[in-house]
């Protein structure tokens, strides 16, 4: 089942898949973690996959906070 995801999570915006995959590769590279070329993560340690997921979550929260701060600044400047 190489290259196929078994995740039961569904994206609210399915078009975000490519952006999330890109972010996963960027974070892994920053952390010095090699992502398997065949897409099978079974040989990776839980620590490595957890580190990647944790950093992605932090980055997504930062992006959301920036967007919220920008939208609230725009709301109050009118």
N, C-alpha and C. Protein backbone atom coordinates (compact mmCIF):
# COMPACT_ATOMS: atom_id res chain seq x y z
N UNK A 1 0.84 -1.18 0.00
CA UNK A 1 0.00 0.00 0.00
C UNK A 1 0.88 1.25 0.00
N UNK A 2 1.99 1.19 -0.65
CA UNK A 2 2.94 2.31 -0.69
C UNK A 2 2.32 3.53 -1.35
N UNK A 3 2.55 4.68 -0.73
CA UNK A 3 2.08 5.93 -1.31
C UNK A 3 0.63 6.27 -0.99
N UNK A 4 -0.07 5.38 -0.32
CA UNK A 4 -1.46 5.65 0.00
C UNK A 4 -1.58 5.93 1.49
N UNK A 5 -2.44 6.87 1.81
CA UNK A 5 -2.62 7.24 3.21
C UNK A 5 -3.72 6.39 3.83
N UNK A 6 -3.48 5.95 5.05
CA UNK A 6 -4.50 5.21 5.80
C UNK A 6 -5.22 6.12 6.77
N UNK A 7 -4.91 7.39 6.76
CA UNK A 7 -5.47 8.31 7.73
C UNK A 7 -6.98 8.39 7.61
N UNK A 8 -7.64 8.41 8.76
CA UNK A 8 -9.09 8.56 8.76
C UNK A 8 -9.48 10.04 8.82
N UNK A 9 -8.47 10.91 8.93
CA UNK A 9 -8.74 12.35 8.96
C UNK A 9 -9.13 12.81 7.56
N UNK A 10 -10.13 13.67 7.50
CA UNK A 10 -10.50 14.24 6.22
C UNK A 10 -10.28 15.75 6.29
N UNK A 11 -9.75 16.29 5.22
CA UNK A 11 -9.49 17.73 5.18
C UNK A 11 -10.77 18.49 4.92
N UNK A 12 -10.93 19.59 5.59
CA UNK A 12 -12.09 20.45 5.36
C UNK A 12 -11.98 21.06 3.96
N UNK A 13 -10.75 21.38 3.57
CA UNK A 13 -10.48 21.92 2.24
C UNK A 13 -9.56 20.92 1.52
N UNK A 14 -10.13 20.02 0.72
CA UNK A 14 -9.32 18.98 0.08
C UNK A 14 -8.19 19.54 -0.80
N UNK A 15 -8.34 20.74 -1.31
CA UNK A 15 -7.31 21.34 -2.14
C UNK A 15 -6.05 21.66 -1.34
N UNK A 16 -6.12 21.60 -0.03
CA UNK A 16 -4.98 21.92 0.83
C UNK A 16 -3.98 20.77 0.92
N UNK A 17 -4.28 19.63 0.35
CA UNK A 17 -3.41 18.46 0.44
C UNK A 17 -2.01 18.76 -0.05
N UNK A 18 -1.88 19.37 -1.20
CA UNK A 18 -0.56 19.66 -1.77
C UNK A 18 0.22 20.62 -0.87
N UNK A 19 -0.44 21.63 -0.33
CA UNK A 19 0.23 22.59 0.54
C UNK A 19 0.70 21.93 1.83
N UNK A 20 -0.11 21.05 2.39
CA UNK A 20 0.27 20.35 3.61
C UNK A 20 1.42 19.37 3.36
N UNK A 21 1.39 18.70 2.21
CA UNK A 21 2.50 17.82 1.86
C UNK A 21 3.79 18.61 1.70
N UNK A 22 3.71 19.75 1.05
CA UNK A 22 4.89 20.60 0.88
C UNK A 22 5.42 21.06 2.24
N UNK A 23 4.52 21.43 3.13
CA UNK A 23 4.92 21.86 4.47
C UNK A 23 5.59 20.71 5.21
N UNK A 24 5.06 19.49 5.04
CA UNK A 24 5.64 18.31 5.69
C UNK A 24 7.09 18.12 5.24
N UNK A 25 7.35 18.24 3.95
CA UNK A 25 8.71 18.07 3.43
C UNK A 25 9.62 19.19 3.90
N UNK A 26 9.12 20.42 3.94
CA UNK A 26 9.92 21.54 4.41
C UNK A 26 10.31 21.37 5.88
N UNK A 27 9.35 21.00 6.72
CA UNK A 27 9.61 20.83 8.14
C UNK A 27 10.59 19.68 8.35
N UNK A 28 10.39 18.58 7.66
CA UNK A 28 11.28 17.43 7.80
C UNK A 28 12.71 17.82 7.41
N UNK A 29 12.85 18.59 6.34
CA UNK A 29 14.18 19.03 5.91
C UNK A 29 14.81 19.94 6.97
N UNK A 30 14.02 20.86 7.52
CA UNK A 30 14.53 21.75 8.57
C UNK A 30 15.00 20.97 9.79
N UNK A 31 14.31 19.87 10.09
CA UNK A 31 14.64 19.05 11.26
C UNK A 31 15.72 18.01 10.95
N UNK A 32 16.09 17.89 9.68
CA UNK A 32 17.09 16.90 9.29
C UNK A 32 16.55 15.48 9.26
N UNK A 33 15.26 15.35 9.02
CA UNK A 33 14.61 14.04 8.98
C UNK A 33 14.33 13.68 7.53
N UNK A 34 14.72 12.48 7.13
CA UNK A 34 14.51 12.01 5.76
C UNK A 34 13.13 11.39 5.62
N UNK A 35 12.33 11.92 4.69
CA UNK A 35 11.00 11.37 4.39
C UNK A 35 11.19 10.23 3.39
N UNK A 36 10.57 9.07 3.64
CA UNK A 36 10.71 7.94 2.70
C UNK A 36 10.17 8.29 1.31
N UNK A 37 10.94 7.97 0.30
CA UNK A 37 10.53 8.27 -1.08
C UNK A 37 9.30 7.48 -1.50
N UNK A 38 9.14 6.28 -0.95
CA UNK A 38 8.00 5.44 -1.36
C UNK A 38 6.71 5.80 -0.63
N UNK A 39 6.79 6.75 0.32
CA UNK A 39 5.58 7.19 1.01
C UNK A 39 5.19 6.30 2.19
N UNK A 40 5.98 5.26 2.47
CA UNK A 40 5.68 4.38 3.59
C UNK A 40 6.41 4.88 4.82
N UNK A 41 5.68 5.26 5.85
CA UNK A 41 6.25 5.85 7.05
C UNK A 41 6.46 4.82 8.16
N UNK A 42 6.19 3.57 7.90
CA UNK A 42 6.26 2.52 8.91
C UNK A 42 7.63 2.30 9.51
N UNK A 43 8.68 2.66 8.80
CA UNK A 43 10.03 2.46 9.30
C UNK A 43 10.56 3.69 10.04
N UNK A 44 9.79 4.77 10.04
CA UNK A 44 10.22 5.98 10.75
C UNK A 44 9.89 5.85 12.23
N UNK A 45 10.68 6.51 13.06
CA UNK A 45 10.40 6.45 14.49
C UNK A 45 9.21 7.35 14.82
N UNK A 46 8.53 7.00 15.88
CA UNK A 46 7.41 7.82 16.34
C UNK A 46 7.89 9.22 16.72
N UNK A 47 9.10 9.28 17.25
CA UNK A 47 9.66 10.57 17.64
C UNK A 47 9.80 11.49 16.42
N UNK A 48 10.31 10.94 15.32
CA UNK A 48 10.49 11.75 14.10
C UNK A 48 9.16 12.19 13.51
N UNK A 49 8.22 11.25 13.38
CA UNK A 49 6.93 11.63 12.80
C UNK A 49 6.19 12.60 13.72
N UNK A 50 6.32 12.39 15.03
CA UNK A 50 5.70 13.31 15.98
C UNK A 50 6.31 14.70 15.93
N UNK A 51 7.62 14.75 15.74
CA UNK A 51 8.30 16.06 15.63
C UNK A 51 7.81 16.81 14.41
N UNK A 52 7.68 16.10 13.30
CA UNK A 52 7.21 16.73 12.08
C UNK A 52 5.78 17.24 12.28
N UNK A 53 4.91 16.40 12.83
CA UNK A 53 3.52 16.80 13.07
C UNK A 53 3.40 17.96 14.03
N UNK A 54 4.21 17.95 15.08
CA UNK A 54 4.18 19.04 16.05
C UNK A 54 4.62 20.37 15.45
N UNK A 55 5.67 20.33 14.64
CA UNK A 55 6.14 21.57 14.01
C UNK A 55 5.14 22.08 12.98
N UNK A 56 4.49 21.17 12.26
CA UNK A 56 3.46 21.59 11.31
C UNK A 56 2.32 22.27 12.06
N UNK A 57 1.90 21.68 13.18
CA UNK A 57 0.81 22.26 13.97
C UNK A 57 1.18 23.66 14.45
N UNK A 58 2.41 23.80 14.98
CA UNK A 58 2.85 25.13 15.43
C UNK A 58 2.82 26.14 14.29
N UNK A 59 3.29 25.72 13.12
CA UNK A 59 3.33 26.63 11.98
C UNK A 59 1.92 27.01 11.54
N UNK A 60 1.00 26.05 11.52
CA UNK A 60 -0.37 26.36 11.13
C UNK A 60 -1.04 27.30 12.13
N UNK A 61 -0.76 27.12 13.42
CA UNK A 61 -1.30 28.02 14.44
C UNK A 61 -0.75 29.43 14.24
N UNK A 62 0.56 29.55 13.95
CA UNK A 62 1.15 30.87 13.70
C UNK A 62 0.49 31.55 12.51
N UNK A 63 0.27 30.79 11.44
CA UNK A 63 -0.36 31.35 10.25
C UNK A 63 -1.77 31.84 10.59
N UNK A 64 -2.53 31.03 11.33
CA UNK A 64 -3.90 31.42 11.70
C UNK A 64 -3.89 32.65 12.59
N UNK A 65 -2.95 32.71 13.55
CA UNK A 65 -2.87 33.87 14.43
C UNK A 65 -2.55 35.14 13.64
N UNK A 66 -1.65 35.03 12.68
CA UNK A 66 -1.30 36.18 11.85
C UNK A 66 -2.50 36.64 11.03
N UNK A 67 -3.23 35.68 10.48
CA UNK A 67 -4.42 36.04 9.70
C UNK A 67 -5.48 36.69 10.57
N UNK A 68 -5.67 36.15 11.77
CA UNK A 68 -6.66 36.73 12.68
C UNK A 68 -6.23 38.12 13.13
N UNK A 69 -4.95 38.29 13.41
CA UNK A 69 -4.46 39.61 13.82
C UNK A 69 -4.64 40.62 12.69
N UNK A 70 -4.38 40.18 11.47
CA UNK A 70 -4.54 41.07 10.32
C UNK A 70 -5.99 41.42 10.07
N UNK A 71 -6.89 40.45 10.23
CA UNK A 71 -8.30 40.73 9.98
C UNK A 71 -8.89 41.60 11.08
N UNK A 72 -8.45 41.42 12.32
CA UNK A 72 -8.98 42.26 13.39
C UNK A 72 -8.41 43.68 13.29
N UNK A 73 -7.17 43.81 12.82
CA UNK A 73 -6.59 45.14 12.63
C UNK A 73 -7.34 45.88 11.54
N UNK A 74 -7.72 45.18 10.49
CA UNK A 74 -8.48 45.78 9.41
C UNK A 74 -9.87 46.17 9.88
N UNK A 75 -10.45 45.38 10.75
CA UNK A 75 -11.80 45.63 11.24
C UNK A 75 -11.85 46.91 12.09
N UNK A 76 -10.82 47.13 12.88
CA UNK A 76 -10.83 48.27 13.79
C UNK A 76 -10.29 49.54 13.16
N UNK A 77 -9.68 49.44 11.98
CA UNK A 77 -9.11 50.64 11.36
C UNK A 77 -10.12 51.36 10.47
N UNK A 78 -11.31 50.89 10.39
CA UNK A 78 -12.32 51.52 9.51
C UNK A 78 -12.96 52.71 10.14
